[in-house]
Each structure stands twice: as structure tokens, then as C-alpha cells.
C-alpha atoms as a PDB file:
ATOM      1  CA  UNK A   1     -38.291 -17.025 104.116  1.00  0.00           C
ATOM      2  CA  UNK A   2     -40.729 -18.981 101.945  1.00  0.00           C
ATOM      3  CA  UNK A   3     -43.004 -21.315 103.851  1.00  0.00           C
ATOM      4  CA  UNK A   4     -42.826 -25.078 103.508  1.00  0.00           C
ATOM      5  CA  UNK A   5     -46.162 -25.179 101.670  1.00  0.00           C
ATOM      6  CA  UNK A   6     -45.016 -22.650  99.051  1.00  0.00           C
ATOM      7  CA  UNK A   7     -41.739 -24.548  98.607  1.00  0.00           C
ATOM      8  CA  UNK A   8     -43.679 -27.775  98.089  1.00  0.00           C
ATOM      9  CA  UNK A   9     -46.014 -26.061  95.614  1.00  0.00           C
ATOM     10  CA  UNK A  10     -43.093 -24.709  93.593  1.00  0.00           C
ATOM     11  CA  UNK A  11     -41.379 -28.100  93.663  1.00  0.00           C
ATOM     12  CA  UNK A  12     -44.514 -29.859  92.414  1.00  0.00           C
ATOM     13  CA  UNK A  13     -44.902 -27.264  89.673  1.00  0.00           C
ATOM     14  CA  UNK A  14     -41.266 -27.717  88.584  1.00  0.00           C
ATOM     15  CA  UNK A  15     -41.598 -31.501  88.583  1.00  0.00           C
ATOM     16  CA  UNK A  16     -44.800 -31.177  86.568  1.00  0.00           C
ATOM     17  CA  UNK A  17     -43.052 -29.024  83.951  1.00  0.00           C
ATOM     18  CA  UNK A  18     -40.140 -31.476  83.847  1.00  0.00           C
ATOM     19  CA  UNK A  19     -42.470 -34.451  83.416  1.00  0.00           C
ATOM     20  CA  UNK A  20     -44.446 -32.667  80.714  1.00  0.00           C
ATOM     21  CA  UNK A  21     -41.275 -31.691  78.871  1.00  0.00           C
ATOM     22  CA  UNK A  22     -39.916 -35.230  79.048  1.00  0.00           C
ATOM     23  CA  UNK A  23     -43.210 -36.596  77.741  1.00  0.00           C
ATOM     24  CA  UNK A  24     -43.128 -34.199  74.784  1.00  0.00           C
ATOM     25  CA  UNK A  25     -39.513 -35.149  74.065  1.00  0.00           C
ATOM     26  CA  UNK A  26     -40.294 -38.877  74.060  1.00  0.00           C
ATOM     27  CA  UNK A  27     -43.342 -38.341  71.866  1.00  0.00           C
ATOM     28  CA  UNK A  28     -41.254 -36.260  69.447  1.00  0.00           C
ATOM     29  CA  UNK A  29     -38.613 -38.985  69.258  1.00  0.00           C
ATOM     30  CA  UNK A  30     -41.259 -41.624  68.556  1.00  0.00           C
ATOM     31  CA  UNK A  31     -42.892 -39.475  65.860  1.00  0.00           C
ATOM     32  CA  UNK A  32     -39.506 -38.897  64.248  1.00  0.00           C
ATOM     33  CA  UNK A  33     -38.899 -42.652  64.324  1.00  0.00           C
ATOM     34  CA  UNK A  34     -42.144 -43.314  62.493  1.00  0.00           C
ATOM     35  CA  UNK A  35     -41.917 -40.426  60.023  1.00  0.00           C
ATOM     36  CA  UNK A  36     -38.359 -41.300  58.980  1.00  0.00           C
ATOM     37  CA  UNK A  37     -38.897 -45.047  58.830  1.00  0.00           C
ATOM     38  CA  UNK A  38     -36.741 -45.968  61.837  1.00  0.00           C
ATOM     39  CA  UNK A  39     -39.006 -48.868  62.725  1.00  0.00           C
ATOM     40  CA  UNK A  40     -38.538 -50.222  59.227  1.00  0.00           C
ATOM     41  CA  UNK A  41     -34.778 -50.151  59.748  1.00  0.00           C
ATOM     42  CA  UNK A  42     -35.126 -52.380  62.790  1.00  0.00           C
ATOM     43  CA  UNK A  43     -34.878 -55.373  60.476  1.00  0.00           C
ATOM     44  CA  UNK A  44     -31.128 -54.671  60.180  1.00  0.00           C
ATOM     45  CA  UNK A  45     -30.491 -55.109  63.883  1.00  0.00           C
ATOM     46  CA  UNK A  46     -32.896 -58.071  64.019  1.00  0.00           C
ATOM     47  CA  UNK A  47     -30.837 -59.878  61.377  1.00  0.00           C
ATOM     48  CA  UNK A  48     -27.594 -59.112  63.236  1.00  0.00           C
ATOM     49  CA  UNK A  49     -29.048 -60.417  66.519  1.00  0.00           C
ATOM     50  CA  UNK A  50     -30.246 -63.622  64.880  1.00  0.00           C
ATOM     51  CA  UNK A  51     -26.843 -64.098  63.235  1.00  0.00           C
ATOM     52  CA  UNK A  52     -25.207 -63.655  66.660  1.00  0.00           C
ATOM     53  CA  UNK A  53     -27.430 -66.250  68.319  1.00  0.00           C
ATOM     54  CA  UNK A  54     -27.012 -68.783  65.505  1.00  0.00           C
ATOM     55  CA  UNK A  55     -23.396 -68.253  64.468  1.00  0.00           C
ATOM     56  CA  UNK A  56     -21.922 -68.076  67.986  1.00  0.00           C
ATOM     57  CA  UNK A  57     -22.452 -71.772  68.858  1.00  0.00           C
ATOM     58  CA  UNK A  58     -22.083 -72.911  65.238  1.00  0.00           C
ATOM     59  CA  UNK A  59     -18.744 -71.145  64.954  1.00  0.00           C
ATOM     60  CA  UNK A  60     -17.445 -73.091  67.936  1.00  0.00           C
ATOM     61  CA  UNK A  61     -18.594 -76.392  66.437  1.00  0.00           C
ATOM     62  CA  UNK A  62     -17.251 -75.656  62.943  1.00  0.00           C
ATOM     63  CA  UNK A  63     -14.068 -73.633  63.441  1.00  0.00           C
ATOM     64  CA  UNK A  64     -13.212 -74.232  67.097  1.00  0.00           C
ATOM     65  CA  UNK A  65     -11.566 -71.511  69.147  1.00  0.00           C
ATOM     66  CA  UNK A  66     -11.942 -68.184  67.359  1.00  0.00           C
ATOM     67  CA  UNK A  67     -12.772 -64.610  68.351  1.00  0.00           C
ATOM     68  CA  UNK A  68     -16.282 -65.131  66.961  1.00  0.00           C
ATOM     69  CA  UNK A  69     -18.096 -63.283  69.773  1.00  0.00           C
ATOM     70  CA  UNK A  70     -16.239 -59.954  69.304  1.00  0.00           C
ATOM     71  CA  UNK A  71     -16.852 -60.113  65.537  1.00  0.00           C
ATOM     72  CA  UNK A  72     -20.553 -60.954  65.898  1.00  0.00           C
ATOM     73  CA  UNK A  73     -20.985 -58.339  68.638  1.00  0.00           C
ATOM     74  CA  UNK A  74     -19.363 -55.750  66.352  1.00  0.00           C
ATOM     75  CA  UNK A  75     -21.987 -56.555  63.706  1.00  0.00           C
ATOM     76  CA  UNK A  76     -24.770 -55.911  66.231  1.00  0.00           C
ATOM     77  CA  UNK A  77     -23.155 -52.668  67.403  1.00  0.00           C
ATOM     78  CA  UNK A  78     -22.809 -51.340  63.846  1.00  0.00           C
ATOM     79  CA  UNK A  79     -26.472 -52.204  63.203  1.00  0.00           C
ATOM     80  CA  UNK A  80     -27.442 -50.378  66.414  1.00  0.00           C
ATOM     81  CA  UNK A  81     -25.679 -47.212  65.239  1.00  0.00           C
ATOM     82  CA  UNK A  82     -27.486 -47.433  61.882  1.00  0.00           C
ATOM     83  CA  UNK A  83     -30.860 -47.859  63.578  1.00  0.00           C
ATOM     84  CA  UNK A  84     -30.206 -44.712  65.647  1.00  0.00           C
ATOM     85  CA  UNK A  85     -29.428 -42.543  62.616  1.00  0.00           C
ATOM     86  CA  UNK A  86     -32.920 -41.004  62.433  1.00  0.00           C
ATOM     87  CA  UNK A  87     -32.087 -37.974  64.600  1.00  0.00           C
ATOM     88  CA  UNK A  88     -28.821 -36.093  64.843  1.00  0.00           C
ATOM     89  CA  UNK A  89     -28.158 -36.030  68.603  1.00  0.00           C
ATOM     90  CA  UNK A  90     -29.215 -39.670  69.013  1.00  0.00           C
ATOM     91  CA  UNK A  91     -26.943 -40.633  66.123  1.00  0.00           C
ATOM     92  CA  UNK A  92     -24.045 -38.678  67.650  1.00  0.00           C
ATOM     93  CA  UNK A  93     -24.446 -40.396  71.030  1.00  0.00           C
ATOM     94  CA  UNK A  94     -24.804 -43.835  69.435  1.00  0.00           C
ATOM     95  CA  UNK A  95     -21.801 -43.214  67.185  1.00  0.00           C
ATOM     96  CA  UNK A  96     -19.599 -42.195  70.117  1.00  0.00           C
ATOM     97  CA  UNK A  97     -20.597 -45.323  72.019  1.00  0.00           C
ATOM     98  CA  UNK A  98     -20.137 -47.447  68.896  1.00  0.00           C
ATOM     99  CA  UNK A  99     -16.719 -46.088  67.937  1.00  0.00           C
ATOM    100  CA  UNK A 100     -15.451 -46.394  71.500  1.00  0.00           C
ATOM    101  CA  UNK A 101     -16.739 -49.929  71.953  1.00  0.00           C
ATOM    102  CA  UNK A 102     -15.426 -51.180  68.610  1.00  0.00           C
ATOM    103  CA  UNK A 103     -12.031 -49.588  69.208  1.00  0.00           C
ATOM    104  CA  UNK A 104     -11.847 -51.020  72.725  1.00  0.00           C
ATOM    105  CA  UNK A 105     -12.881 -54.531  71.728  1.00  0.00           C
ATOM    106  CA  UNK A 106     -10.527 -54.563  68.748  1.00  0.00           C
ATOM    107  CA  UNK A 107      -7.575 -53.268  70.778  1.00  0.00           C
ATOM    108  CA  UNK A 108      -8.246 -55.783  73.556  1.00  0.00           C
ATOM    109  CA  UNK A 109      -8.352 -58.701  71.135  1.00  0.00           C
ATOM    110  CA  UNK A 110      -5.089 -57.671  69.454  1.00  0.00           C
ATOM    111  CA  UNK A 111      -3.095 -56.695  72.551  1.00  0.00           C
ATOM    112  CA  UNK A 112      -4.951 -58.739  75.196  1.00  0.00           C
ATOM    113  CA  UNK A 113      -5.551 -55.729  77.457  1.00  0.00           C
ATOM    114  CA  UNK A 114      -7.900 -56.543  80.341  1.00  0.00           C
ATOM    115  CA  UNK A 115      -8.703 -52.933  81.262  1.00  0.00           C
ATOM    116  CA  UNK A 116      -9.370 -51.868  77.659  1.00  0.00           C
ATOM    117  CA  UNK A 117     -11.563 -54.942  77.156  1.00  0.00           C
ATOM    118  CA  UNK A 118     -13.689 -53.957  80.144  1.00  0.00           C
ATOM    119  CA  UNK A 119     -13.953 -50.385  78.837  1.00  0.00           C
ATOM    120  CA  UNK A 120     -15.039 -51.691  75.426  1.00  0.00           C
ATOM    121  CA  UNK A 121     -17.629 -53.984  76.999  1.00  0.00           C
ATOM    122  CA  UNK A 122     -19.002 -51.137  79.126  1.00  0.00           C
ATOM    123  CA  UNK A 123     -19.376 -48.932  76.044  1.00  0.00           C
ATOM    124  CA  UNK A 124     -20.995 -51.839  74.181  1.00  0.00           C
ATOM    125  CA  UNK A 125     -23.486 -52.239  77.026  1.00  0.00           C
ATOM    126  CA  UNK A 126     -24.154 -48.493  76.965  1.00  0.00           C
ATOM    127  CA  UNK A 127     -24.898 -48.553  73.216  1.00  0.00           C
ATOM    128  CA  UNK A 128     -27.109 -51.641  73.482  1.00  0.00           C
ATOM    129  CA  UNK A 129     -29.000 -50.212  76.454  1.00  0.00           C
ATOM    130  CA  UNK A 130     -29.408 -46.820  74.750  1.00  0.00           C
ATOM    131  CA  UNK A 131     -30.723 -48.489  71.588  1.00  0.00           C
ATOM    132  CA  UNK A 132     -33.130 -50.620  73.611  1.00  0.00           C
ATOM    133  CA  UNK A 133     -34.562 -47.548  75.352  1.00  0.00           C
ATOM    134  CA  UNK A 134     -34.981 -45.618  72.083  1.00  0.00           C
ATOM    135  CA  UNK A 135     -36.720 -48.547  70.392  1.00  0.00           C
ATOM    136  CA  UNK A 136     -38.859 -49.289  73.441  1.00  0.00           C
ATOM    137  CA  UNK A 137     -40.001 -45.663  73.551  1.00  0.00           C
ATOM    138  CA  UNK A 138     -41.090 -45.908  69.912  1.00  0.00           C
ATOM    139  CA  UNK A 139     -43.119 -49.007  70.736  1.00  0.00           C
ATOM    140  CA  UNK A 140     -44.980 -47.629  73.756  1.00  0.00           C
ATOM    141  CA  UNK A 141     -45.725 -44.346  71.950  1.00  0.00           C
ATOM    142  CA  UNK A 142     -47.218 -46.149  68.936  1.00  0.00           C
ATOM    143  CA  UNK A 143     -51.028 -46.051  68.733  1.00  0.00           C
ATOM    144  CA  UNK A 144     -51.220 -49.328  66.813  1.00  0.00           C
ATOM    145  CA  UNK A 145     -49.229 -52.518  66.409  1.00  0.00           C
ATOM    146  CA  UNK A 146     -47.913 -52.650  62.853  1.00  0.00           C
ATOM    147  CA  UNK A 147     -45.599 -55.212  61.310  1.00  0.00           C
ATOM    148  CA  UNK A 148     -42.692 -52.827  61.829  1.00  0.00           C
ATOM    149  CA  UNK A 149     -43.641 -52.420  65.494  1.00  0.00           C
ATOM    150  CA  UNK A 150     -43.685 -56.193  65.951  1.00  0.00           C
ATOM    151  CA  UNK A 151     -40.185 -56.400  64.458  1.00  0.00           C
ATOM    152  CA  UNK A 152     -39.124 -53.657  66.869  1.00  0.00           C
ATOM    153  CA  UNK A 153     -40.679 -55.564  69.776  1.00  0.00           C
ATOM    154  CA  UNK A 154     -38.752 -58.712  68.913  1.00  0.00           C
ATOM    155  CA  UNK A 155     -35.562 -56.631  68.672  1.00  0.00           C
ATOM    156  CA  UNK A 156     -36.205 -55.148  72.125  1.00  0.00           C
ATOM    157  CA  UNK A 157     -36.672 -58.638  73.579  1.00  0.00           C
ATOM    158  CA  UNK A 158     -33.429 -59.909  72.054  1.00  0.00           C
ATOM    159  CA  UNK A 159     -31.545 -56.740  73.010  1.00  0.00           C
ATOM    160  CA  UNK A 160     -32.619 -57.127  76.635  1.00  0.00           C
ATOM    161  CA  UNK A 161     -31.194 -60.647  76.635  1.00  0.00           C
ATOM    162  CA  UNK A 162     -27.953 -59.438  75.058  1.00  0.00           C
ATOM    163  CA  UNK A 163     -27.661 -56.536  77.521  1.00  0.00           C
ATOM    164  CA  UNK A 164     -27.883 -58.892  80.469  1.00  0.00           C
ATOM    165  CA  UNK A 165     -25.402 -61.248  78.803  1.00  0.00           C
ATOM    166  CA  UNK A 166     -22.981 -58.306  78.598  1.00  0.00           C
ATOM    167  CA  UNK A 167     -23.578 -57.575  82.288  1.00  0.00           C
ATOM    168  CA  UNK A 168     -22.798 -61.194  83.169  1.00  0.00           C
ATOM    169  CA  UNK A 169     -19.681 -61.107  80.965  1.00  0.00           C
ATOM    170  CA  UNK A 170     -18.484 -57.982  82.799  1.00  0.00           C
ATOM    171  CA  UNK A 171     -19.166 -59.657  86.133  1.00  0.00           C
ATOM    172  CA  UNK A 172     -17.018 -62.657  85.183  1.00  0.00           C
ATOM    173  CA  UNK A 173     -14.263 -60.293  84.016  1.00  0.00           C
ATOM    174  CA  UNK A 174     -14.210 -58.688  87.461  1.00  0.00           C
ATOM    175  CA  UNK A 175     -14.908 -61.893  89.400  1.00  0.00           C
ATOM    176  CA  UNK A 176     -14.475 -65.236  87.567  1.00  0.00           C
ATOM    177  CA  UNK A 177     -16.415 -67.031  90.323  1.00  0.00           C
ATOM    178  CA  UNK A 178     -19.555 -64.869  89.971  1.00  0.00           C
ATOM    179  CA  UNK A 179     -21.308 -67.563  87.936  1.00  0.00           C
ATOM    180  CA  UNK A 180     -20.790 -71.310  87.874  1.00  0.00           C
ATOM    181  CA  UNK A 181     -21.344 -73.822  85.085  1.00  0.00           C
ATOM    182  CA  UNK A 182     -21.983 -76.888  87.190  1.00  0.00           C
ATOM    183  CA  UNK A 183     -19.222 -76.587  89.771  1.00  0.00           C
ATOM    184  CA  UNK A 184     -16.787 -74.786  87.464  1.00  0.00           C
ATOM    185  CA  UNK A 185     -16.430 -70.976  87.527  1.00  0.00           C
ATOM    186  CA  UNK A 186     -17.233 -69.296  84.222  1.00  0.00           C
ATOM    187  CA  UNK A 187     -14.274 -67.231  83.039  1.00  0.00           C
ATOM    188  CA  UNK A 188     -12.562 -66.142  79.862  1.00  0.00           C
ATOM    189  CA  UNK A 189     -10.403 -68.971  78.544  1.00  0.00           C
ATOM    190  CA  UNK A 190      -7.036 -68.412  76.890  1.00  0.00           C
ATOM    191  CA  UNK A 191      -7.752 -71.297  74.520  1.00  0.00           C
ATOM    192  CA  UNK A 192     -11.178 -69.974  73.452  1.00  0.00           C
ATOM    193  CA  UNK A 193     -11.998 -66.384  74.373  1.00  0.00           C
ATOM    194  CA  UNK A 194     -15.611 -66.699  73.160  1.00  0.00           C
ATOM    195  CA  UNK A 195     -16.686 -69.888  74.955  1.00  0.00           C
ATOM    196  CA  UNK A 196     -17.707 -68.119  78.159  1.00  0.00           C
ATOM    197  CA  UNK A 197     -19.726 -65.556  76.153  1.00  0.00           C
ATOM    198  CA  UNK A 198     -21.709 -68.399  74.569  1.00  0.00           C
ATOM    199  CA  UNK A 199     -22.492 -69.851  78.001  1.00  0.00           C
ATOM    200  CA  UNK A 200     -23.489 -66.489  79.470  1.00  0.00           C
ATOM    201  CA  UNK A 201     -25.666 -65.591  76.492  1.00  0.00           C
ATOM    202  CA  UNK A 202     -27.403 -68.949  76.960  1.00  0.00           C
ATOM    203  CA  UNK A 203     -27.838 -68.242  80.687  1.00  0.00           C
ATOM    204  CA  UNK A 204     -29.258 -64.778  79.989  1.00  0.00           C
ATOM    205  CA  UNK A 205     -31.967 -66.034  77.647  1.00  0.00           C
ATOM    206  CA  UNK A 206     -32.781 -69.104  79.758  1.00  0.00           C
ATOM    207  CA  UNK A 207     -33.295 -66.704  82.688  1.00  0.00           C
ATOM    208  CA  UNK A 208     -35.191 -64.155  80.576  1.00  0.00           C
ATOM    209  CA  UNK A 209     -37.635 -66.821  79.418  1.00  0.00           C
ATOM    210  CA  UNK A 210     -37.928 -68.117  83.037  1.00  0.00           C
ATOM    211  CA  UNK A 211     -36.924 -71.653  81.999  1.00  0.00           C
ATOM    212  CA  UNK A 212     -34.210 -71.894  84.641  1.00  0.00           C
ATOM    213  CA  UNK A 213     -32.575 -75.250  83.911  1.00  0.00           C
ATOM    214  CA  UNK A 214     -30.208 -74.800  86.856  1.00  0.00           C
ATOM    215  CA  UNK A 215     -27.000 -75.788  85.046  1.00  0.00           C
ATOM    216  CA  UNK A 216     -25.594 -72.249  85.295  1.00  0.00           C
ATOM    217  CA  UNK A 217     -25.943 -70.626  88.715  1.00  0.00           C
ATOM    218  CA  UNK A 218     -25.133 -67.125  89.982  1.00  0.00           C
ATOM    219  CA  UNK A 219     -22.935 -66.876  93.050  1.00  0.00           C
ATOM    220  CA  UNK A 220     -23.035 -63.921  95.392  1.00  0.00           C
ATOM    221  CA  UNK A 221     -25.645 -61.225  95.987  1.00  0.00           C
ATOM    222  CA  UNK A 222     -24.847 -59.064  92.947  1.00  0.00           C
ATOM    223  CA  UNK A 223     -24.989 -61.921  90.439  1.00  0.00           C
ATOM    224  CA  UNK A 224     -28.244 -63.174  91.954  1.00  0.00           C
ATOM    225  CA  UNK A 225     -29.874 -59.739  91.885  1.00  0.00           C
ATOM    226  CA  UNK A 226     -28.979 -59.241  88.215  1.00  0.00           C
ATOM    227  CA  UNK A 227     -30.413 -62.686  87.452  1.00  0.00           C
ATOM    228  CA  UNK A 228     -33.654 -61.650  89.181  1.00  0.00           C
ATOM    229  CA  UNK A 229     -33.667 -58.375  87.214  1.00  0.00           C
ATOM    230  CA  UNK A 230     -33.231 -60.387  84.008  1.00  0.00           C
ATOM    231  CA  UNK A 231     -36.410 -62.312  84.841  1.00  0.00           C
ATOM    232  CA  UNK A 232     -38.304 -59.090  85.621  1.00  0.00           C
ATOM    233  CA  UNK A 233     -37.380 -57.584  82.255  1.00  0.00           C
ATOM    234  CA  UNK A 234     -39.246 -60.385  80.479  1.00  0.00           C
ATOM    235  CA  UNK A 235     -42.415 -58.399  81.229  1.00  0.00           C
ATOM    236  CA  UNK A 236     -41.252 -55.731  78.759  1.00  0.00           C
ATOM    237  CA  UNK A 237     -41.696 -58.078  75.812  1.00  0.00           C
ATOM    238  CA  UNK A 238     -45.078 -59.468  76.807  1.00  0.00           C
ATOM    239  CA  UNK A 239     -47.274 -61.456  74.462  1.00  0.00           C
ATOM    240  CA  UNK A 240     -45.201 -61.095  71.288  1.00  0.00           C
ATOM    241  CA  UNK A 241     -46.553 -64.235  69.572  1.00  0.00           C
ATOM    242  CA  UNK A 242     -50.167 -63.152  70.068  1.00  0.00           C
ATOM    243  CA  UNK A 243     -49.426 -59.567  69.091  1.00  0.00           C
ATOM    244  CA  UNK A 244     -47.600 -60.785  65.984  1.00  0.00           C
ATOM    245  CA  UNK A 245     -50.519 -62.932  64.837  1.00  0.00           C
ATOM    246  CA  UNK A 246     -53.030 -60.118  65.309  1.00  0.00           C
ATOM    247  CA  UNK A 247     -50.796 -57.535  63.638  1.00  0.00           C
ATOM    248  CA  UNK A 248     -50.274 -59.758  60.615  1.00  0.00           C
ATOM    249  CA  UNK A 249     -54.047 -60.359  60.441  1.00  0.00           C
ATOM    250  CA  UNK A 250     -54.715 -56.628  60.618  1.00  0.00           C
ATOM    251  CA  UNK A 251     -56.467 -56.766  63.990  1.00  0.00           C
ATOM    252  CA  UNK A 252     -56.048 -53.879  66.402  1.00  0.00           C
ATOM    253  CA  UNK A 253     -54.653 -55.101  69.734  1.00  0.00           C
ATOM    254  CA  UNK A 254     -55.303 -53.774  73.179  1.00  0.00           C
ATOM    255  CA  UNK A 255     -53.211 -50.712  74.118  1.00  0.00           C
ATOM    256  CA  UNK A 256     -49.613 -51.432  75.151  1.00  0.00           C
ATOM    257  CA  UNK A 257     -50.052 -55.125  74.426  1.00  0.00           C
ATOM    258  CA  UNK A 258     -46.351 -55.494  73.687  1.00  0.00           C
ATOM    259  CA  UNK A 259     -45.463 -54.623  77.270  1.00  0.00           C
ATOM    260  CA  UNK A 260     -48.463 -56.027  79.120  1.00  0.00           C
END
């Protein structure tokens, strides 16, 4: 029988090979992003995210109760699939997530199916999280902060906020008392199916930016832990305003400034 020391040596060697292979894969993905202009395509998802943040509350004020959140989320999801079109297997994965999420959300809105809605939201979260990881990898592998990288960094920041908003939306679907607006539980309303999404998107970004007004409060251990995780993820975006100014002025920033 092999000794414990030889087993440990073989395990360390295998983990080393795995780590090296993963590093090469991530570097290859980042190089493919840059060579095929994926960072330049980030402007498409940036526009869709800005439209979501602006049109969601405006739609409520102008048109009242509409299914504005599913429509605006669909725009972001389509943009995410387009951004991930630089490499075949990434595009295939993103497309599967995108098709499933769009089909689920559309079916749920038409037939008011709770289980299909949750499935669509889970697939939406998977696509948004996958896109965030791919874009974040491109940023940390970059050896300089270009204008395209700054756009990608802003997209990552906004995507993190949207991902946590989707998590909070799923939590209220499973447990309407998981978060409170004042003393009222946040839940999907039959009169306006997008109102709770607006509130939870607001809560996600208020938490992400560590403002913490206290008007929306998590209830229960799971909701509180996700709120804490939302705060921790703000470190991924770092000093975007400073990095943006220096990139636009052509100054080389310190390494990994976007995530410092």
C-alpha cells in the first residue's frame, strides 16, 4: 500500500496540474475576449442594464401596473447572450440559459405558473452569474485598464447588483416574509407583478453601495447572510471612478485596481 506521504505528494501534484490547467484556461478565455473584441461588446449589456434601472421605476410612474420587469430583464438576458458569443462553448452555455430563462419567464407571465416562474428566475440568475464571471475573468487577466475594460468593470458592478436582486426575488417567491418594506412583507402583487422587483433591486444596490437606509430589512438568517454577501461583493468593483479617470487620461493604474 502507498504510504501517506506518497499519497499526499501525488495529491499535491494533481492539484498543481489542475490549478495550472485552470489558469491556462482562464487566460485563454481572456485573450479570446480581447482578440475578438468581446470587451468592446460590453457596451450592449451596459446599455440594457442602464435601461433596466431607469425604465423600471419610470414605467411604474408613467404606465402603472405592467409586466415591465420581465420585459426589461429579457433585454438584459439577450444582451448577456450576445456578449458571450466570442467562444463557441461559452455561447452554447449562455444560449441554453438564455432560452430557458426567456421561455420560463414568458410562460409564467402568460399562464401565471409559480413553479415555472421560479425555474425561469433560476436560469436567469445562472446566466447573469455566468456572464459576470466571464467578464470578471477578462478584467483580472488584463494587463492594463483600457476604456473597454472600464466599461466591463461598470457592467460587472451592475450585474452583481442585479444578481443579488434576483436572489432576493427568489427568496420572496419562496417566503414572502423574507424581506420587509417597513413592516410590510415584500411579495409579488397581483395588481402589479413588477413592484416588488423594483423594491428589491433598490435594496440590492443600496446594500451593495453600503448606504443601508434601513427602510427594507431582511428577516431570517438566510436573507441576512445574502445581504451581508451583497455588501462583501462591493469589493469586486473597487475604485471605478478613479480607474475611469486614469484610463481616460491614458495613465497606467496599479495592477488589479478594479478589484482592489
